[in-house]
Amino acid sequence: MEFTYMVRGADGKEYGPVTLERLTAWIRDGRLTAQQELKRSDMEHWSPASAFGELQPVFSSLAAPVIAPPPIAAASAPAHAGAAVQLKSGASWFYWIAGLSLVNSIMSLTGSGVGFALGLGITRIFDGLASGFGGAGKGISLLLDITVSGLFILFGVFAGKGHTWAFIVGMILFALDGLIVLLAQAWLSVALHAFALYFLFRGFQGCRQLRAAS
């Protein structure tokens, strides 16, 4: 999944979307400064370019300082902006999990035979059991799939608003769901569960930083 970025220029206009590679080239050419505001495709708010973890190594590698050292009183501002980006990015994974799980369920119930490795194992169990109960079983299975996916969407909503409990409960349930795909020896799904849990945990860390600073 490749993110794209919108850039707010000095003239107040918005440019993009552009790729991370293009942003890196602009930074090295001096066309994009650390103070300019960016918005990543998984975000709803603008943050300084220096707050994005993927761009910080580029700024630090430049021979000349990109930005003067801030006064001590303002030193926490970039950290807060970085934590906000981390929180939003982590919370967005709940939406990916819910959405791909629903797509997998629809494909399974329609007999498509294909699906995404990143998805809930519990919905696959529901879909597998539904095959033996005809149309009524498929209807019940779809309702259960929507309920479980809706729960993860709610986790995403509350996590995005800075509620640490949503990250904690969501991570616990998703880790337990990972045991299902582990028992099924679906190794790609196991790896993607671990990958998603890593970013969910980073979102949780960003959430804690923001709450500690407020």
N, C-alpha and C. Protein backbone atom coordinates (compact mmCIF):
# COMPACT_ATOMS: atom_id res chain seq x y z
N MET A 1 0.85 -1.18 0.00
CA MET A 1 0.00 0.00 0.00
C MET A 1 0.89 1.24 0.00
N GLU A 2 0.88 2.00 -1.10
CA GLU A 2 1.73 3.17 -1.23
C GLU A 2 0.94 4.43 -0.94
N PHE A 3 1.43 5.21 0.00
CA PHE A 3 0.76 6.45 0.35
C PHE A 3 1.13 7.54 -0.66
N THR A 4 0.23 8.50 -0.83
CA THR A 4 0.51 9.70 -1.60
C THR A 4 0.35 10.91 -0.69
N TYR A 5 0.83 12.06 -1.15
CA TYR A 5 0.88 13.24 -0.30
C TYR A 5 0.38 14.47 -1.05
N MET A 6 -0.30 15.34 -0.31
CA MET A 6 -0.67 16.67 -0.79
C MET A 6 0.27 17.67 -0.14
N VAL A 7 0.68 18.70 -0.89
CA VAL A 7 1.62 19.70 -0.40
C VAL A 7 0.94 21.06 -0.42
N ARG A 8 1.04 21.79 0.69
CA ARG A 8 0.51 23.15 0.76
C ARG A 8 1.68 24.10 0.52
N GLY A 9 1.63 24.81 -0.63
CA GLY A 9 2.70 25.69 -1.02
C GLY A 9 2.72 26.99 -0.25
N ALA A 10 3.78 27.77 -0.46
CA ALA A 10 3.91 29.06 0.20
C ALA A 10 2.81 30.03 -0.25
N ASP A 11 2.23 29.77 -1.43
CA ASP A 11 1.16 30.63 -1.94
C ASP A 11 -0.21 30.22 -1.41
N GLY A 12 -0.23 29.22 -0.52
CA GLY A 12 -1.48 28.77 0.06
C GLY A 12 -2.22 27.75 -0.77
N LYS A 13 -1.74 27.45 -1.98
CA LYS A 13 -2.41 26.49 -2.85
C LYS A 13 -1.93 25.07 -2.51
N GLU A 14 -2.76 24.09 -2.88
CA GLU A 14 -2.45 22.69 -2.62
C GLU A 14 -2.01 22.00 -3.90
N TYR A 15 -0.94 21.22 -3.79
CA TYR A 15 -0.37 20.55 -4.94
C TYR A 15 -0.31 19.04 -4.66
N GLY A 16 -0.55 18.26 -5.70
CA GLY A 16 -0.49 16.81 -5.55
C GLY A 16 -1.73 16.14 -6.09
N PRO A 17 -1.87 14.85 -5.81
CA PRO A 17 -1.01 14.04 -4.94
C PRO A 17 0.32 13.65 -5.60
N VAL A 18 1.36 13.49 -4.77
CA VAL A 18 2.68 13.09 -5.24
C VAL A 18 3.16 11.91 -4.40
N THR A 19 4.11 11.18 -4.94
CA THR A 19 4.64 10.00 -4.25
C THR A 19 5.74 10.40 -3.27
N LEU A 20 6.10 9.46 -2.39
CA LEU A 20 7.19 9.69 -1.45
C LEU A 20 8.50 9.95 -2.19
N GLU A 21 8.70 9.27 -3.30
CA GLU A 21 9.92 9.46 -4.09
C GLU A 21 10.01 10.88 -4.63
N ARG A 22 8.88 11.42 -5.09
CA ARG A 22 8.88 12.79 -5.61
C ARG A 22 9.15 13.79 -4.48
N LEU A 23 8.53 13.57 -3.29
CA LEU A 23 8.77 14.45 -2.15
C LEU A 23 10.25 14.46 -1.78
N THR A 24 10.86 13.26 -1.77
CA THR A 24 12.28 13.16 -1.43
C THR A 24 13.13 13.98 -2.40
N ALA A 25 12.80 13.90 -3.68
CA ALA A 25 13.54 14.68 -4.68
C ALA A 25 13.36 16.18 -4.45
N TRP A 26 12.16 16.60 -4.11
CA TRP A 26 11.90 18.02 -3.85
C TRP A 26 12.69 18.51 -2.65
N ILE A 27 12.78 17.68 -1.62
CA ILE A 27 13.55 18.07 -0.42
C ILE A 27 15.02 18.24 -0.78
N ARG A 28 15.57 17.31 -1.53
CA ARG A 28 16.99 17.38 -1.89
C ARG A 28 17.26 18.56 -2.81
N ASP A 29 16.27 18.95 -3.61
CA ASP A 29 16.42 20.10 -4.50
C ASP A 29 16.15 21.43 -3.80
N GLY A 30 15.74 21.35 -2.53
CA GLY A 30 15.44 22.57 -1.79
C GLY A 30 14.09 23.18 -2.11
N ARG A 31 13.23 22.41 -2.78
CA ARG A 31 11.90 22.93 -3.16
C ARG A 31 10.86 22.68 -2.07
N LEU A 32 11.18 21.82 -1.12
CA LEU A 32 10.26 21.52 -0.02
C LEU A 32 11.01 21.64 1.29
N THR A 33 10.53 22.51 2.18
CA THR A 33 11.19 22.72 3.46
C THR A 33 10.49 21.94 4.56
N ALA A 34 11.18 21.84 5.70
CA ALA A 34 10.62 21.09 6.83
C ALA A 34 9.39 21.74 7.41
N GLN A 35 9.25 23.09 7.20
CA GLN A 35 8.10 23.80 7.78
C GLN A 35 6.84 23.68 6.95
N GLN A 36 6.97 23.34 5.66
CA GLN A 36 5.79 23.27 4.81
C GLN A 36 4.87 22.14 5.26
N GLU A 37 3.56 22.36 5.07
CA GLU A 37 2.57 21.41 5.55
C GLU A 37 2.24 20.37 4.48
N LEU A 38 2.09 19.13 4.95
CA LEU A 38 1.73 18.01 4.08
C LEU A 38 0.50 17.31 4.65
N LYS A 39 -0.18 16.58 3.79
CA LYS A 39 -1.28 15.72 4.21
C LYS A 39 -1.15 14.40 3.47
N ARG A 40 -0.95 13.30 4.24
CA ARG A 40 -0.82 11.99 3.64
C ARG A 40 -2.19 11.42 3.31
N SER A 41 -2.24 10.47 2.40
CA SER A 41 -3.53 9.95 1.92
C SER A 41 -4.32 9.22 2.99
N ASP A 42 -3.67 8.82 4.10
CA ASP A 42 -4.41 8.17 5.18
C ASP A 42 -4.72 9.13 6.32
N MET A 43 -4.53 10.45 6.09
CA MET A 43 -4.75 11.46 7.12
C MET A 43 -5.85 12.42 6.71
N GLU A 44 -6.42 13.10 7.70
CA GLU A 44 -7.44 14.10 7.45
C GLU A 44 -6.98 15.50 7.84
N HIS A 45 -5.75 15.63 8.35
CA HIS A 45 -5.27 16.92 8.79
C HIS A 45 -3.87 17.17 8.23
N TRP A 46 -3.45 18.43 8.26
CA TRP A 46 -2.15 18.84 7.77
C TRP A 46 -1.14 18.84 8.91
N SER A 47 0.12 18.48 8.60
CA SER A 47 1.20 18.51 9.58
C SER A 47 2.47 18.97 8.87
N PRO A 48 3.43 19.55 9.63
CA PRO A 48 4.70 19.95 9.01
C PRO A 48 5.43 18.75 8.43
N ALA A 49 6.16 18.98 7.37
CA ALA A 49 6.88 17.90 6.71
C ALA A 49 7.86 17.22 7.67
N SER A 50 8.41 18.00 8.61
CA SER A 50 9.38 17.44 9.55
C SER A 50 8.76 16.44 10.51
N ALA A 51 7.42 16.42 10.60
CA ALA A 51 6.74 15.51 11.54
C ALA A 51 6.58 14.11 10.97
N PHE A 52 6.82 13.92 9.67
CA PHE A 52 6.63 12.63 9.05
C PHE A 52 7.90 11.80 9.21
N GLY A 53 7.77 10.64 9.87
CA GLY A 53 8.93 9.80 10.14
C GLY A 53 9.66 9.37 8.88
N GLU A 54 8.91 9.15 7.77
CA GLU A 54 9.54 8.70 6.55
C GLU A 54 10.37 9.78 5.87
N LEU A 55 10.15 11.06 6.24
CA LEU A 55 10.90 12.17 5.63
C LEU A 55 12.03 12.67 6.52
N GLN A 56 11.99 12.34 7.81
CA GLN A 56 13.01 12.85 8.72
C GLN A 56 14.43 12.43 8.33
N PRO A 57 14.67 11.17 7.89
CA PRO A 57 16.04 10.82 7.47
C PRO A 57 16.52 11.66 6.29
N VAL A 58 15.60 12.06 5.41
CA VAL A 58 15.99 12.87 4.25
C VAL A 58 16.46 14.24 4.70
N PHE A 59 15.68 14.86 5.62
CA PHE A 59 16.06 16.17 6.12
C PHE A 59 17.40 16.12 6.86
N SER A 60 17.57 15.06 7.69
CA SER A 60 18.78 14.98 8.50
C SER A 60 20.01 14.69 7.67
N SER A 61 19.83 14.13 6.46
CA SER A 61 20.98 13.78 5.63
C SER A 61 21.52 14.96 4.83
N LEU A 62 20.77 16.05 4.81
CA LEU A 62 21.22 17.22 4.06
C LEU A 62 22.45 17.84 4.73
N ALA A 63 23.34 18.35 3.93
CA ALA A 63 24.58 18.91 4.46
C ALA A 63 24.34 20.13 5.33
N ALA A 64 23.44 21.02 4.89
CA ALA A 64 23.15 22.24 5.64
C ALA A 64 21.91 22.03 6.49
N PRO A 65 21.80 22.68 7.64
CA PRO A 65 20.59 22.57 8.46
C PRO A 65 19.37 23.03 7.69
N VAL A 66 18.30 22.24 7.81
CA VAL A 66 17.07 22.60 7.11
C VAL A 66 16.28 23.62 7.91
N ILE A 67 16.36 23.51 9.24
CA ILE A 67 15.57 24.39 10.08
C ILE A 67 16.38 24.72 11.33
N ALA A 68 16.32 25.94 11.78
CA ALA A 68 17.06 26.35 12.96
C ALA A 68 16.51 25.65 14.18
N PRO A 69 17.37 25.35 15.16
CA PRO A 69 16.89 24.69 16.39
C PRO A 69 15.82 25.52 17.06
N PRO A 70 14.68 24.92 17.40
CA PRO A 70 13.60 25.67 18.01
C PRO A 70 13.93 26.02 19.45
N PRO A 71 13.35 27.05 20.01
CA PRO A 71 13.53 27.34 21.42
C PRO A 71 12.98 26.21 22.28
N ILE A 72 13.48 26.09 23.49
CA ILE A 72 13.10 24.99 24.38
C ILE A 72 11.60 24.96 24.59
N ALA A 73 10.95 26.11 24.69
CA ALA A 73 9.52 26.16 24.96
C ALA A 73 8.71 25.55 23.84
N ALA A 74 9.25 25.57 22.61
CA ALA A 74 8.50 25.05 21.46
C ALA A 74 9.00 23.69 21.02
N ALA A 75 9.91 23.09 21.77
CA ALA A 75 10.53 21.84 21.33
C ALA A 75 9.55 20.70 21.24
N SER A 76 8.46 20.76 22.00
CA SER A 76 7.52 19.65 22.01
C SER A 76 6.53 19.69 20.86
N ALA A 77 6.46 20.80 20.12
CA ALA A 77 5.47 20.92 19.05
C ALA A 77 5.66 19.89 17.96
N PRO A 78 6.91 19.70 17.38
CA PRO A 78 7.08 18.67 16.37
C PRO A 78 6.76 17.28 16.89
N ALA A 79 7.10 17.01 18.17
CA ALA A 79 6.80 15.70 18.74
C ALA A 79 5.30 15.45 18.80
N HIS A 80 4.55 16.51 19.15
CA HIS A 80 3.09 16.36 19.19
C HIS A 80 2.54 16.09 17.80
N ALA A 81 3.07 16.82 16.80
CA ALA A 81 2.60 16.62 15.44
C ALA A 81 2.92 15.20 14.96
N GLY A 82 4.13 14.72 15.31
CA GLY A 82 4.51 13.36 14.92
C GLY A 82 3.65 12.32 15.59
N ALA A 83 3.30 12.55 16.86
CA ALA A 83 2.43 11.62 17.58
C ALA A 83 1.04 11.57 16.96
N ALA A 84 0.56 12.75 16.51
CA ALA A 84 -0.77 12.80 15.87
C ALA A 84 -0.78 12.01 14.57
N VAL A 85 0.30 12.13 13.79
CA VAL A 85 0.41 11.36 12.55
C VAL A 85 0.45 9.87 12.86
N GLN A 86 1.21 9.51 13.89
CA GLN A 86 1.34 8.11 14.29
C GLN A 86 -0.01 7.56 14.74
N LEU A 87 -0.76 8.35 15.50
CA LEU A 87 -2.08 7.91 15.98
C LEU A 87 -3.03 7.66 14.81
N LYS A 88 -3.13 8.63 13.90
CA LYS A 88 -4.06 8.50 12.77
C LYS A 88 -3.68 7.32 11.87
N SER A 89 -2.38 7.17 11.65
CA SER A 89 -1.93 6.06 10.80
C SER A 89 -2.27 4.72 11.43
N GLY A 90 -2.07 4.60 12.76
CA GLY A 90 -2.39 3.35 13.45
C GLY A 90 -3.88 3.07 13.45
N ALA A 91 -4.69 4.11 13.72
CA ALA A 91 -6.14 3.92 13.77
C ALA A 91 -6.70 3.49 12.41
N SER A 92 -6.06 3.94 11.32
CA SER A 92 -6.57 3.61 9.99
C SER A 92 -6.51 2.12 9.69
N TRP A 93 -5.64 1.39 10.41
CA TRP A 93 -5.54 -0.05 10.17
C TRP A 93 -6.80 -0.79 10.60
N PHE A 94 -7.54 -0.26 11.56
CA PHE A 94 -8.81 -0.88 11.93
C PHE A 94 -9.77 -0.87 10.74
N TYR A 95 -9.76 0.24 9.96
CA TYR A 95 -10.64 0.33 8.79
C TYR A 95 -10.22 -0.67 7.71
N TRP A 96 -8.89 -0.80 7.51
CA TRP A 96 -8.41 -1.77 6.52
C TRP A 96 -8.83 -3.19 6.90
N ILE A 97 -8.67 -3.54 8.17
CA ILE A 97 -9.03 -4.88 8.65
C ILE A 97 -10.51 -5.14 8.42
N ALA A 98 -11.35 -4.18 8.82
CA ALA A 98 -12.80 -4.34 8.67
C ALA A 98 -13.19 -4.43 7.20
N GLY A 99 -12.67 -3.53 6.40
CA GLY A 99 -13.06 -3.49 4.98
C GLY A 99 -12.65 -4.74 4.23
N LEU A 100 -11.40 -5.17 4.41
CA LEU A 100 -10.94 -6.36 3.69
C LEU A 100 -11.63 -7.63 4.19
N SER A 101 -12.00 -7.65 5.47
CA SER A 101 -12.74 -8.81 5.99
C SER A 101 -14.11 -8.92 5.33
N LEU A 102 -14.78 -7.78 5.16
CA LEU A 102 -16.09 -7.79 4.49
C LEU A 102 -15.96 -8.23 3.03
N VAL A 103 -14.92 -7.73 2.36
CA VAL A 103 -14.69 -8.13 0.97
C VAL A 103 -14.45 -9.64 0.89
N ASN A 104 -13.63 -10.16 1.81
CA ASN A 104 -13.37 -11.61 1.83
C ASN A 104 -14.65 -12.40 2.04
N SER A 105 -15.53 -11.90 2.93
CA SER A 105 -16.79 -12.61 3.21
C SER A 105 -17.70 -12.62 1.98
N ILE A 106 -17.81 -11.50 1.32
CA ILE A 106 -18.66 -11.43 0.12
C ILE A 106 -18.13 -12.37 -0.96
N MET A 107 -16.80 -12.37 -1.14
CA MET A 107 -16.21 -13.25 -2.15
C MET A 107 -16.44 -14.72 -1.79
N SER A 108 -16.32 -15.04 -0.50
CA SER A 108 -16.51 -16.43 -0.07
C SER A 108 -17.96 -16.87 -0.25
N LEU A 109 -18.90 -16.02 0.14
CA LEU A 109 -20.31 -16.37 0.07
C LEU A 109 -20.82 -16.44 -1.37
N THR A 110 -20.16 -15.73 -2.29
CA THR A 110 -20.56 -15.78 -3.70
C THR A 110 -19.80 -16.84 -4.47
N GLY A 111 -18.93 -17.57 -3.76
CA GLY A 111 -18.20 -18.65 -4.41
C GLY A 111 -17.05 -18.20 -5.27
N SER A 112 -16.54 -17.01 -5.02
CA SER A 112 -15.45 -16.48 -5.84
C SER A 112 -14.17 -17.28 -5.67
N GLY A 113 -13.89 -17.69 -4.46
CA GLY A 113 -12.70 -18.50 -4.22
C GLY A 113 -11.42 -17.71 -4.06
N VAL A 114 -11.49 -16.38 -4.09
CA VAL A 114 -10.31 -15.55 -3.89
C VAL A 114 -10.57 -14.61 -2.73
N GLY A 115 -9.51 -14.02 -2.21
CA GLY A 115 -9.68 -13.09 -1.10
C GLY A 115 -8.35 -12.49 -0.71
N PHE A 116 -8.38 -11.65 0.31
CA PHE A 116 -7.18 -10.97 0.79
C PHE A 116 -6.64 -11.68 2.03
N ALA A 117 -5.31 -11.73 2.13
CA ALA A 117 -4.69 -12.39 3.29
C ALA A 117 -4.89 -11.58 4.56
N LEU A 118 -4.97 -10.24 4.41
CA LEU A 118 -5.22 -9.40 5.58
C LEU A 118 -6.73 -9.33 5.81
N GLY A 119 -7.20 -10.03 6.79
CA GLY A 119 -8.62 -10.08 7.10
C GLY A 119 -8.82 -10.90 8.36
N LEU A 120 -9.99 -10.84 8.92
CA LEU A 120 -10.27 -11.54 10.17
C LEU A 120 -10.48 -13.03 9.93
N GLY A 121 -9.84 -13.84 10.79
CA GLY A 121 -10.02 -15.27 10.69
C GLY A 121 -11.40 -15.72 11.15
N ILE A 122 -12.00 -15.00 12.10
CA ILE A 122 -13.30 -15.39 12.63
C ILE A 122 -14.38 -15.31 11.56
N THR A 123 -14.28 -14.31 10.66
CA THR A 123 -15.28 -14.20 9.60
C THR A 123 -15.14 -15.36 8.61
N ARG A 124 -13.92 -15.87 8.44
CA ARG A 124 -13.73 -17.02 7.56
C ARG A 124 -14.40 -18.27 8.15
N ILE A 125 -14.36 -18.36 9.48
CA ILE A 125 -15.05 -19.49 10.12
C ILE A 125 -16.55 -19.38 9.90
N PHE A 126 -17.09 -18.17 10.10
CA PHE A 126 -18.53 -17.96 9.85
C PHE A 126 -18.89 -18.36 8.42
N ASP A 127 -18.08 -17.93 7.46
CA ASP A 127 -18.38 -18.20 6.05
C ASP A 127 -18.27 -19.69 5.75
N GLY A 128 -17.31 -20.37 6.39
CA GLY A 128 -17.16 -21.80 6.16
C GLY A 128 -18.34 -22.59 6.71
N LEU A 129 -18.84 -22.20 7.87
CA LEU A 129 -19.99 -22.89 8.46
C LEU A 129 -21.26 -22.63 7.65
N ALA A 130 -21.35 -21.45 7.03
CA ALA A 130 -22.56 -21.09 6.29
C ALA A 130 -22.79 -21.98 5.09
N SER A 131 -21.71 -22.54 4.53
CA SER A 131 -21.86 -23.33 3.31
C SER A 131 -22.73 -24.56 3.50
N GLY A 132 -22.86 -25.03 4.74
CA GLY A 132 -23.64 -26.23 4.98
C GLY A 132 -25.09 -25.97 5.34
N PHE A 133 -25.51 -24.69 5.33
CA PHE A 133 -26.88 -24.37 5.75
C PHE A 133 -27.67 -23.62 4.68
N GLY A 134 -27.18 -23.61 3.46
CA GLY A 134 -27.93 -23.02 2.36
C GLY A 134 -28.02 -21.51 2.45
N GLY A 135 -29.08 -20.98 1.82
CA GLY A 135 -29.25 -19.52 1.75
C GLY A 135 -29.41 -18.87 3.11
N ALA A 136 -30.16 -19.51 4.01
CA ALA A 136 -30.37 -18.94 5.34
C ALA A 136 -29.05 -18.85 6.09
N GLY A 137 -28.21 -19.88 5.95
CA GLY A 137 -26.91 -19.87 6.60
C GLY A 137 -26.03 -18.75 6.09
N LYS A 138 -26.08 -18.49 4.78
CA LYS A 138 -25.29 -17.40 4.21
C LYS A 138 -25.76 -16.05 4.73
N GLY A 139 -27.07 -15.91 4.89
CA GLY A 139 -27.60 -14.65 5.40
C GLY A 139 -27.15 -14.39 6.83
N ILE A 140 -27.20 -15.43 7.66
CA ILE A 140 -26.76 -15.30 9.05
C ILE A 140 -25.26 -15.02 9.11
N SER A 141 -24.51 -15.73 8.27
CA SER A 141 -23.06 -15.53 8.25
C SER A 141 -22.72 -14.09 7.85
N LEU A 142 -23.41 -13.56 6.84
CA LEU A 142 -23.13 -12.19 6.40
C LEU A 142 -23.46 -11.19 7.51
N LEU A 143 -24.54 -11.45 8.23
CA LEU A 143 -24.91 -10.57 9.35
C LEU A 143 -23.84 -10.59 10.43
N LEU A 144 -23.33 -11.78 10.75
CA LEU A 144 -22.26 -11.88 11.74
C LEU A 144 -20.99 -11.19 11.26
N ASP A 145 -20.69 -11.36 9.96
CA ASP A 145 -19.50 -10.71 9.40
C ASP A 145 -19.61 -9.19 9.50
N ILE A 146 -20.77 -8.66 9.18
CA ILE A 146 -20.99 -7.21 9.25
C ILE A 146 -20.86 -6.72 10.69
N THR A 147 -21.39 -7.50 11.63
CA THR A 147 -21.31 -7.13 13.05
C THR A 147 -19.86 -7.05 13.53
N VAL A 148 -19.07 -8.09 13.20
CA VAL A 148 -17.67 -8.11 13.64
C VAL A 148 -16.88 -7.00 12.95
N SER A 149 -17.09 -6.83 11.65
CA SER A 149 -16.38 -5.77 10.93
C SER A 149 -16.79 -4.40 11.45
N GLY A 150 -18.07 -4.24 11.76
CA GLY A 150 -18.54 -2.98 12.32
C GLY A 150 -17.89 -2.67 13.65
N LEU A 151 -17.61 -3.71 14.43
CA LEU A 151 -16.93 -3.51 15.72
C LEU A 151 -15.53 -2.93 15.50
N PHE A 152 -14.82 -3.43 14.48
CA PHE A 152 -13.49 -2.91 14.20
C PHE A 152 -13.55 -1.50 13.62
N ILE A 153 -14.61 -1.19 12.89
CA ILE A 153 -14.78 0.18 12.42
C ILE A 153 -14.95 1.12 13.61
N LEU A 154 -15.72 0.68 14.60
CA LEU A 154 -15.89 1.50 15.81
C LEU A 154 -14.56 1.69 16.53
N PHE A 155 -13.75 0.64 16.58
CA PHE A 155 -12.42 0.79 17.17
C PHE A 155 -11.64 1.88 16.43
N GLY A 156 -11.74 1.87 15.11
CA GLY A 156 -11.04 2.88 14.32
C GLY A 156 -11.53 4.28 14.60
N VAL A 157 -12.84 4.43 14.75
CA VAL A 157 -13.41 5.75 15.03
C VAL A 157 -12.92 6.28 16.38
N PHE A 158 -13.04 5.46 17.42
CA PHE A 158 -12.64 5.91 18.75
C PHE A 158 -11.13 6.04 18.89
N ALA A 159 -10.38 5.14 18.24
CA ALA A 159 -8.93 5.25 18.28
C ALA A 159 -8.48 6.53 17.61
N GLY A 160 -9.11 6.87 16.48
CA GLY A 160 -8.77 8.10 15.78
C GLY A 160 -9.05 9.35 16.58
N LYS A 161 -9.97 9.23 17.55
CA LYS A 161 -10.30 10.37 18.43
C LYS A 161 -9.44 10.40 19.69
N GLY A 162 -8.47 9.47 19.78
CA GLY A 162 -7.53 9.50 20.89
C GLY A 162 -7.93 8.68 22.09
N HIS A 163 -8.79 7.68 21.94
CA HIS A 163 -9.19 6.82 23.06
C HIS A 163 -8.25 5.60 23.11
N THR A 164 -7.42 5.53 24.13
CA THR A 164 -6.46 4.44 24.23
C THR A 164 -7.14 3.08 24.38
N TRP A 165 -8.31 3.04 25.03
CA TRP A 165 -8.99 1.76 25.24
C TRP A 165 -9.34 1.10 23.91
N ALA A 166 -9.64 1.92 22.88
CA ALA A 166 -9.99 1.35 21.57
C ALA A 166 -8.80 0.63 20.96
N PHE A 167 -7.60 1.22 21.10
CA PHE A 167 -6.40 0.54 20.62
C PHE A 167 -6.16 -0.75 21.40
N ILE A 168 -6.29 -0.68 22.73
CA ILE A 168 -5.98 -1.84 23.57
C ILE A 168 -6.93 -3.00 23.28
N VAL A 169 -8.24 -2.74 23.33
CA VAL A 169 -9.22 -3.80 23.09
C VAL A 169 -9.11 -4.32 21.66
N GLY A 170 -8.95 -3.40 20.71
CA GLY A 170 -8.83 -3.82 19.32
C GLY A 170 -7.62 -4.69 19.08
N MET A 171 -6.47 -4.33 19.69
CA MET A 171 -5.26 -5.13 19.51
C MET A 171 -5.40 -6.51 20.15
N ILE A 172 -6.04 -6.56 21.32
CA ILE A 172 -6.23 -7.86 21.99
C ILE A 172 -7.10 -8.78 21.13
N LEU A 173 -8.22 -8.25 20.63
CA LEU A 173 -9.11 -9.08 19.81
C LEU A 173 -8.45 -9.50 18.51
N PHE A 174 -7.68 -8.59 17.91
CA PHE A 174 -7.02 -8.93 16.65
C PHE A 174 -5.90 -9.95 16.88
N ALA A 175 -5.22 -9.86 18.03
CA ALA A 175 -4.20 -10.86 18.36
C ALA A 175 -4.84 -12.23 18.57
N LEU A 176 -6.00 -12.26 19.26
CA LEU A 176 -6.71 -13.53 19.43
C LEU A 176 -7.18 -14.08 18.09
N ASP A 177 -7.60 -13.17 17.21
CA ASP A 177 -8.00 -13.61 15.87
C ASP A 177 -6.81 -14.21 15.13
N GLY A 178 -5.61 -13.67 15.42
CA GLY A 178 -4.42 -14.21 14.78
C GLY A 178 -4.18 -15.67 15.14
N LEU A 179 -4.63 -16.09 16.31
CA LEU A 179 -4.49 -17.49 16.70
C LEU A 179 -5.30 -18.40 15.78
N ILE A 180 -6.42 -17.87 15.26
CA ILE A 180 -7.26 -18.67 14.36
C ILE A 180 -6.51 -18.97 13.07
N VAL A 181 -5.90 -17.93 12.47
CA VAL A 181 -5.17 -18.15 11.22
C VAL A 181 -3.88 -18.92 11.48
N LEU A 182 -3.35 -18.82 12.71
CA LEU A 182 -2.16 -19.60 13.06
C LEU A 182 -2.51 -21.09 13.11
N LEU A 183 -3.64 -21.42 13.75
CA LEU A 183 -4.07 -22.81 13.81
C LEU A 183 -4.39 -23.36 12.43
N ALA A 184 -4.87 -22.48 11.55
CA ALA A 184 -5.17 -22.89 10.18
C ALA A 184 -3.92 -22.95 9.31
N GLN A 185 -2.76 -22.55 9.89
CA GLN A 185 -1.47 -22.54 9.19
C GLN A 185 -1.53 -21.67 7.93
N ALA A 186 -2.28 -20.57 8.03
CA ALA A 186 -2.31 -19.60 6.93
C ALA A 186 -1.19 -18.60 7.21
N TRP A 187 0.02 -18.96 6.79
CA TRP A 187 1.21 -18.24 7.24
C TRP A 187 1.26 -16.80 6.73
N LEU A 188 0.77 -16.56 5.53
CA LEU A 188 0.77 -15.18 5.03
C LEU A 188 -0.17 -14.32 5.88
N SER A 189 -1.31 -14.86 6.23
CA SER A 189 -2.24 -14.14 7.09
C SER A 189 -1.65 -13.90 8.48
N VAL A 190 -0.90 -14.89 8.99
CA VAL A 190 -0.24 -14.73 10.29
C VAL A 190 0.75 -13.57 10.23
N ALA A 191 1.54 -13.53 9.14
CA ALA A 191 2.53 -12.46 9.00
C ALA A 191 1.86 -11.10 8.89
N LEU A 192 0.75 -11.02 8.15
CA LEU A 192 0.07 -9.74 7.99
C LEU A 192 -0.64 -9.33 9.28
N HIS A 193 -1.10 -10.29 10.06
CA HIS A 193 -1.65 -9.97 11.37
C HIS A 193 -0.58 -9.30 12.24
N ALA A 194 0.62 -9.89 12.23
CA ALA A 194 1.72 -9.33 13.02
C ALA A 194 2.10 -7.94 12.51
N PHE A 195 2.11 -7.77 11.19
CA PHE A 195 2.44 -6.48 10.58
C PHE A 195 1.43 -5.41 10.99
N ALA A 196 0.14 -5.76 10.93
CA ALA A 196 -0.90 -4.80 11.31
C ALA A 196 -0.85 -4.49 12.79
N LEU A 197 -0.57 -5.49 13.62
CA LEU A 197 -0.47 -5.27 15.06
C LEU A 197 0.67 -4.31 15.39
N TYR A 198 1.76 -4.37 14.64
CA TYR A 198 2.88 -3.46 14.86
C TYR A 198 2.44 -2.01 14.67
N PHE A 199 1.70 -1.75 13.58
CA PHE A 199 1.27 -0.38 13.31
C PHE A 199 0.16 0.05 14.27
N LEU A 200 -0.68 -0.89 14.70
CA LEU A 200 -1.68 -0.56 15.71
C LEU A 200 -1.00 -0.17 17.02
N PHE A 201 0.07 -0.87 17.36
CA PHE A 201 0.80 -0.55 18.59
C PHE A 201 1.47 0.82 18.48
N ARG A 202 2.00 1.15 17.31
CA ARG A 202 2.59 2.48 17.11
C ARG A 202 1.52 3.56 17.25
N GLY A 203 0.33 3.28 16.74
CA GLY A 203 -0.77 4.22 16.92
C GLY A 203 -1.11 4.40 18.39
N PHE A 204 -1.09 3.29 19.13
CA PHE A 204 -1.34 3.34 20.58
C PHE A 204 -0.28 4.19 21.28
N GLN A 205 0.98 4.04 20.87
CA GLN A 205 2.05 4.85 21.46
C GLN A 205 1.83 6.34 21.18
N GLY A 206 1.46 6.66 19.93
CA GLY A 206 1.17 8.06 19.61
C GLY A 206 0.02 8.61 20.41
N CYS A 207 -0.99 7.77 20.62
CA CYS A 207 -2.16 8.18 21.41
C CYS A 207 -1.75 8.50 22.84
N ARG A 208 -0.90 7.65 23.43
CA ARG A 208 -0.44 7.87 24.80
C ARG A 208 0.38 9.15 24.92
N GLN A 209 1.21 9.41 23.91
CA GLN A 209 2.02 10.62 23.93
C GLN A 209 1.14 11.87 23.92
N LEU A 210 0.13 11.87 23.08
CA LEU A 210 -0.76 13.02 22.99
C LEU A 210 -1.54 13.22 24.29
N ARG A 211 -2.02 12.12 24.88
CA ARG A 211 -2.78 12.24 26.12
C ARG A 211 -1.88 12.69 27.27
N ALA A 212 -0.62 12.26 27.28
CA ALA A 212 0.31 12.67 28.33
C ALA A 212 0.65 14.15 28.23
N ALA A 213 0.63 14.66 26.97
CA ALA A 213 0.99 16.06 26.77
C ALA A 213 -0.19 17.01 26.99
N SER A 214 -1.41 16.46 27.00
CA SER A 214 -2.59 17.32 27.12
C SER A 214 -2.91 17.62 28.57
